[in-house]
Each structure stands twice: as C-alpha cells, then as structure tokens.
Amino acid sequence: MTDTIDMTTAGIVVANLIGVINTNRTYLSEIDGAIGDGDHGINMSKGFSQCGERLAKRAAPPPLPVALADLSDALMGGIGGSMGPLYGSFFLDMGSVLEGHALLDKHLFYRALSAGIDAVQAIGDAKVGDKTLIDTLEPARAAYDAALNDNRSFRECLDAMTVAAEAGMNSTRELRARVGRASRLGDRSIGVLDAGACSCFLILRSISESLRALLEGSAASGIRPVQTEKHPA
C-alpha cells in the first residue's frame, strides 16, 4: 500500500460519485419530501448524470482535477435552486487546489477539502446547527484535520472524516431548520434529516472509499445503494 495517489487514475473518484448519487436518487428525494420540495434526488441525479455524459465524450478518463471541473460545470448548469452553486463551487475549488499536482497525499487532500468547504460557506450564511449540509461538512473537516495533526495515515484521516460526516448528518434530525424554505416550518422541521446533509455525507463517504481503494491498489469501484430504511447504507 502507498500513501499517495496518482492524479491520472484518481478521476474514478468522480465516476463513482455519479453512480452513488444516481443510485440514491429516490432516497434523497424521499428525505427531501419530508420538509422540502421532494426533488433533491432528482436534481442531484440530473446534474451528476450530465457530468457522466461529459466524461463519456472524452477520449480517455481525465485526471481528478479535470474530472472535478467537469462535475462543477455540470452541477452549475444542471441543478436548480441553491444546490447547483453550492456543490458546483465545492468541487470547483477542490479541483483548483489539486490542479498542477501529479500526486495526491493526505495534506493536499485536506487543502482541497477545506477550499471546497470554504467556497460553500462563502455563498451562504449557514453555520453548524442550522440543519444544512454544513452540519456534515464542518465536522468532517475538523475530524480530518485532527487526524492529520495527530500524524495519522491518509486512510485513517479519511476514515475519521467519514465517521464525523455521518454523525453530522445524523445530528440534523433533531435540529430546527434555520435557513432556506424548511425554516418556514419552524419546529415541524425537527425529527427528519436534512436532504443536503444526507447527499453531502454520501459524497464524502464515496470520495473516502474511492481514495482508500486507490491507496490499497484496487479498482476503486463499488456503489452501496440505500435500502428501504431512510438512512444511507
């Protein structure tokens, strides 16, 4: 096993993300339907599928920074509402940090992750506790940073990120929505997960699993579908 990843092979991270979002399209829309319009999964699947079409037209699989740029462009143009700009900016700024690097290591990934999260926060005014994707992103960043400062391996940093992201997602169940349309529901928004926090967890978990597979020298493929229970499998 190694602790660095060749950027030319890491583009599969985006291919796996497309599969994960499409697989969980119904799940995400069901979650969104509890306190929202019920179209989060549909819109996410539309944007990610458009990226898949872009990638399929390329002569060869692109390196990770290019694949992330393609994903950003597709999401900006393919997802309505706030999620297109939010996720589009997230992936755009991640890819910008990675551009020009031949290898991905744990330190570079943290810089990319942090840049992506900063981009999301620059667009809106949501903070931890507002029942949004920030409740997934910020704990994930903090956990990765803590593992990094503790000199953990790349794999261990990714594991810490994933565990914290899941805990952050689950925390939204008992939160009252304070931003967006769901905030109009007041206390009625308590008791269900936030759809954006859920899709964000699926994204971070997929990235983590893909990178771990590459670190371990395997094919970095495999999509875990969500079962009937309303929680990411």
Protein backbone atom coordinates (compact mmCIF):
# COMPACT_ATOMS: atom_id res chain seq x y z
CA MET A 1 0.00 0.00 0.00
CA THR A 2 1.02 3.59 -0.57
CA ASP A 3 0.16 6.94 0.96
CA THR A 4 -0.05 8.84 -2.33
CA ILE A 5 -2.37 8.57 -5.31
CA ASP A 6 -1.61 9.26 -8.98
CA MET A 7 -3.92 12.03 -10.18
CA THR A 8 -4.26 10.37 -13.59
CA THR A 9 -6.01 7.37 -12.04
CA ALA A 10 -7.95 9.31 -9.40
CA GLY A 11 -10.58 10.54 -11.86
CA ILE A 12 -12.53 7.40 -10.98
CA VAL A 13 -13.49 9.24 -7.79
CA VAL A 14 -15.90 11.34 -9.86
CA ALA A 15 -17.19 8.34 -11.82
CA ASN A 16 -18.06 6.65 -8.53
CA LEU A 17 -19.75 9.81 -7.25
CA ILE A 18 -22.02 9.81 -10.27
CA GLY A 19 -23.02 6.23 -9.57
CA VAL A 20 -23.63 6.87 -5.88
CA ILE A 21 -25.89 9.86 -6.48
CA ASN A 22 -27.86 8.09 -9.20
CA THR A 23 -28.26 5.01 -7.01
CA ASN A 24 -29.58 7.14 -4.15
CA ARG A 25 -31.82 9.38 -6.23
CA THR A 26 -35.08 8.07 -4.74
CA TYR A 27 -33.73 8.03 -1.20
CA LEU A 28 -32.64 11.67 -1.37
CA SER A 29 -35.97 12.78 -2.80
CA GLU A 30 -37.86 10.91 -0.09
CA ILE A 31 -35.80 12.63 2.59
CA ASP A 32 -36.34 15.99 0.93
CA GLY A 33 -40.06 15.38 0.65
CA ALA A 34 -40.46 15.42 4.42
CA ILE A 35 -39.72 19.15 4.76
CA GLY A 36 -38.90 20.29 1.23
CA ASP A 37 -39.97 20.01 -2.39
CA GLY A 38 -39.05 16.35 -2.70
CA ASP A 39 -36.84 16.91 -5.72
CA HIS A 40 -33.34 16.91 -4.23
CA GLY A 41 -32.51 13.44 -5.50
CA ILE A 42 -33.95 14.18 -8.93
CA ASN A 43 -31.97 17.38 -9.31
CA MET A 44 -28.75 15.88 -7.99
CA SER A 45 -29.08 12.89 -10.31
CA LYS A 46 -29.70 15.20 -13.25
CA GLY A 47 -26.55 17.23 -12.63
CA PHE A 48 -24.31 14.26 -11.91
CA SER A 49 -25.66 12.39 -14.94
CA GLN A 50 -24.80 15.35 -17.15
CA CYS A 51 -21.25 15.09 -15.85
CA GLY A 52 -21.26 11.41 -16.75
CA GLU A 53 -22.21 12.33 -20.30
CA ARG A 54 -19.34 14.82 -20.47
CA LEU A 55 -16.85 12.27 -19.23
CA ALA A 56 -18.11 9.66 -21.69
CA LYS A 57 -17.31 12.00 -24.59
CA ARG A 58 -13.66 12.30 -23.59
CA ALA A 59 -11.13 10.18 -25.45
CA ALA A 60 -9.70 8.92 -22.15
CA PRO A 61 -10.61 9.16 -18.46
CA PRO A 62 -9.40 12.56 -17.22
CA PRO A 63 -7.24 13.14 -14.14
CA LEU A 64 -9.04 14.09 -10.95
CA PRO A 65 -8.73 17.91 -11.25
CA VAL A 66 -10.23 17.84 -14.75
CA ALA A 67 -13.00 15.45 -13.72
CA LEU A 68 -13.88 17.72 -10.80
CA ALA A 69 -14.03 20.72 -13.14
CA ASP A 70 -16.39 18.80 -15.43
CA LEU A 71 -18.54 17.91 -12.43
CA SER A 72 -18.63 21.51 -11.27
CA ASP A 73 -19.70 22.77 -14.69
CA ALA A 74 -22.44 20.15 -14.92
CA LEU A 75 -23.81 20.92 -11.47
CA MET A 76 -23.76 24.67 -12.01
CA GLY A 77 -25.83 24.27 -15.15
CA GLY A 78 -27.88 21.20 -14.29
CA ILE A 79 -29.19 21.69 -10.75
CA GLY A 80 -31.81 24.26 -9.92
CA GLY A 81 -32.05 26.24 -6.71
CA SER A 82 -29.16 26.68 -4.32
CA MET A 83 -27.58 23.24 -4.54
CA GLY A 84 -26.09 23.73 -8.01
CA PRO A 85 -23.96 26.71 -6.99
CA LEU A 86 -23.14 25.17 -3.61
CA TYR A 87 -21.92 21.81 -4.87
CA GLY A 88 -20.56 23.33 -8.06
CA SER A 89 -18.37 25.70 -6.06
CA PHE A 90 -17.36 22.90 -3.71
CA PHE A 91 -15.98 20.73 -6.49
CA LEU A 92 -14.57 23.65 -8.48
CA ASP A 93 -12.45 24.87 -5.59
CA MET A 94 -11.37 21.35 -4.68
CA GLY A 95 -10.19 20.81 -8.24
CA SER A 96 -8.42 24.16 -8.36
CA VAL A 97 -6.27 23.19 -5.39
CA LEU A 98 -5.39 19.85 -6.98
CA GLU A 99 -4.56 21.31 -10.40
CA GLY A 100 -0.89 21.06 -11.32
CA HIS A 101 -0.14 18.27 -8.85
CA ALA A 102 0.86 14.82 -10.07
CA LEU A 103 0.23 13.07 -6.76
CA LEU A 104 -2.45 13.35 -4.11
CA ASP A 105 -1.42 12.92 -0.48
CA LYS A 106 -3.21 13.47 2.82
CA HIS A 107 -2.04 17.07 3.18
CA LEU A 108 -3.07 18.09 -0.33
CA PHE A 109 -6.45 16.44 0.09
CA TYR A 110 -7.08 18.43 3.26
CA ARG A 111 -6.26 21.65 1.44
CA ALA A 112 -8.67 20.72 -1.34
CA LEU A 113 -11.41 19.67 1.07
CA SER A 114 -11.01 22.83 3.10
CA ALA A 115 -11.09 25.03 0.00
CA GLY A 116 -14.30 23.36 -1.12
CA ILE A 117 -15.95 23.88 2.25
CA ASP A 118 -14.83 27.50 2.35
CA ALA A 119 -16.41 28.01 -1.07
CA VAL A 120 -19.73 26.64 0.18
CA GLN A 121 -19.65 28.89 3.22
CA ALA A 122 -18.81 31.93 1.09
CA ILE A 123 -22.05 31.50 -0.86
CA GLY A 124 -24.47 31.22 2.05
CA ASP A 125 -24.65 32.22 5.68
CA ALA A 126 -25.42 28.79 7.13
CA LYS A 127 -23.44 27.56 10.10
CA VAL A 128 -23.28 24.37 12.14
CA GLY A 129 -26.64 23.84 13.82
CA ASP A 130 -28.75 25.39 11.04
CA LYS A 131 -29.77 22.00 9.57
CA THR A 132 -27.88 22.16 6.28
CA LEU A 133 -25.00 20.42 4.52
CA ILE A 134 -22.66 22.50 6.71
CA ASP A 135 -23.61 20.18 9.57
CA THR A 136 -21.95 17.40 7.57
CA LEU A 137 -19.05 19.35 6.09
CA GLU A 138 -17.64 21.16 9.11
CA PRO A 139 -17.40 18.13 11.44
CA ALA A 140 -15.84 16.18 8.57
CA ARG A 141 -13.19 18.85 8.06
CA ALA A 142 -12.47 19.13 11.78
CA ALA A 143 -12.09 15.37 12.18
CA TYR A 144 -9.78 15.08 9.17
CA ASP A 145 -7.69 17.98 10.45
CA ALA A 146 -7.44 16.43 13.92
CA ALA A 147 -6.31 13.11 12.46
CA LEU A 148 -3.82 14.90 10.23
CA ASN A 149 -2.36 16.81 13.17
CA ASP A 150 -2.13 13.52 15.06
CA ASN A 151 0.06 12.23 12.20
CA ARG A 152 -2.47 9.58 11.17
CA SER A 153 -2.17 7.89 7.78
CA PHE A 154 -4.12 9.07 4.74
CA ARG A 155 -6.54 6.16 5.22
CA GLU A 156 -7.07 6.97 8.87
CA CYS A 157 -7.72 10.62 8.07
CA LEU A 158 -10.32 9.59 5.50
CA ASP A 159 -11.95 7.23 7.99
CA ALA A 160 -12.14 9.98 10.60
CA MET A 161 -13.71 12.30 8.04
CA THR A 162 -16.36 9.75 7.10
CA VAL A 163 -17.32 8.92 10.69
CA ALA A 164 -17.67 12.61 11.55
CA ALA A 165 -19.63 13.32 8.36
CA GLU A 166 -22.14 10.61 9.25
CA ALA A 167 -22.50 11.91 12.79
CA GLY A 168 -23.00 15.42 11.44
CA MET A 169 -25.66 14.23 9.02
CA ASN A 170 -27.49 12.38 11.78
CA SER A 171 -27.38 15.45 14.01
CA THR A 172 -29.68 17.28 11.60
CA ARG A 173 -32.58 15.02 12.59
CA GLU A 174 -33.07 16.85 15.88
CA LEU A 175 -32.27 20.32 14.57
CA ARG A 176 -34.73 23.06 13.69
CA ALA A 177 -34.17 24.40 10.18
CA ARG A 178 -32.94 27.98 10.33
CA VAL A 179 -32.21 28.74 6.68
CA GLY A 180 -33.92 28.02 3.37
CA ARG A 181 -37.51 27.03 2.72
CA ALA A 182 -37.56 24.48 5.52
CA SER A 183 -37.04 27.27 8.05
CA ARG A 184 -40.64 28.34 7.44
CA LEU A 185 -41.80 25.12 9.08
CA GLY A 186 -40.31 26.05 12.43
CA ASP A 187 -40.45 23.18 14.91
CA ARG A 188 -42.14 20.98 12.31
CA SER A 189 -38.73 20.64 10.66
CA ILE A 190 -37.46 18.76 13.73
CA GLY A 191 -37.42 14.96 13.53
CA VAL A 192 -36.22 14.41 9.97
CA LEU A 193 -32.82 14.52 8.32
CA ASP A 194 -31.76 17.37 6.07
CA ALA A 195 -31.52 16.20 2.45
CA GLY A 196 -28.47 18.33 1.70
CA ALA A 197 -26.66 16.95 4.72
CA CYS A 198 -27.52 13.44 3.51
CA SER A 199 -26.27 13.95 -0.05
CA CYS A 200 -23.14 15.57 1.37
CA PHE A 201 -22.48 12.52 3.53
CA LEU A 202 -22.93 10.21 0.55
CA ILE A 203 -20.46 12.33 -1.42
CA LEU A 204 -17.82 12.42 1.30
CA ARG A 205 -18.19 8.71 2.01
CA SER A 206 -17.87 7.87 -1.68
CA ILE A 207 -14.77 10.04 -2.05
CA SER A 208 -13.26 8.39 1.01
CA GLU A 209 -13.98 4.86 -0.21
CA SER A 210 -12.65 5.57 -3.69
CA LEU A 211 -9.43 7.09 -2.37
CA ARG A 212 -8.96 4.25 0.10
CA ALA A 213 -9.33 1.72 -2.70
CA LEU A 214 -6.73 3.57 -4.77
CA LEU A 215 -4.38 3.69 -1.80
CA GLU A 216 -4.80 -0.05 -1.41
CA GLY A 217 -4.22 -0.66 -5.11
CA SER A 218 -7.69 -1.91 -6.01
CA ALA A 219 -10.10 -0.77 -8.70
CA ALA A 220 -11.81 1.86 -6.52
CA SER A 221 -15.27 0.95 -7.72
CA GLY A 222 -18.39 -0.17 -5.96
CA ILE A 223 -21.61 1.60 -5.11
CA ARG A 224 -23.59 0.93 -1.96
CA PRO A 225 -27.29 1.55 -2.58
CA VAL A 226 -29.61 2.80 0.10
CA GLN A 227 -32.13 0.26 1.34
CA THR A 228 -35.74 0.90 2.34
CA GLU A 229 -34.73 2.35 5.71
CA LYS A 230 -34.27 6.09 5.40
CA HIS A 231 -30.59 6.16 6.20
CA PRO A 232 -27.63 5.82 3.84
CA ALA A 233 -26.50 2.20 3.76
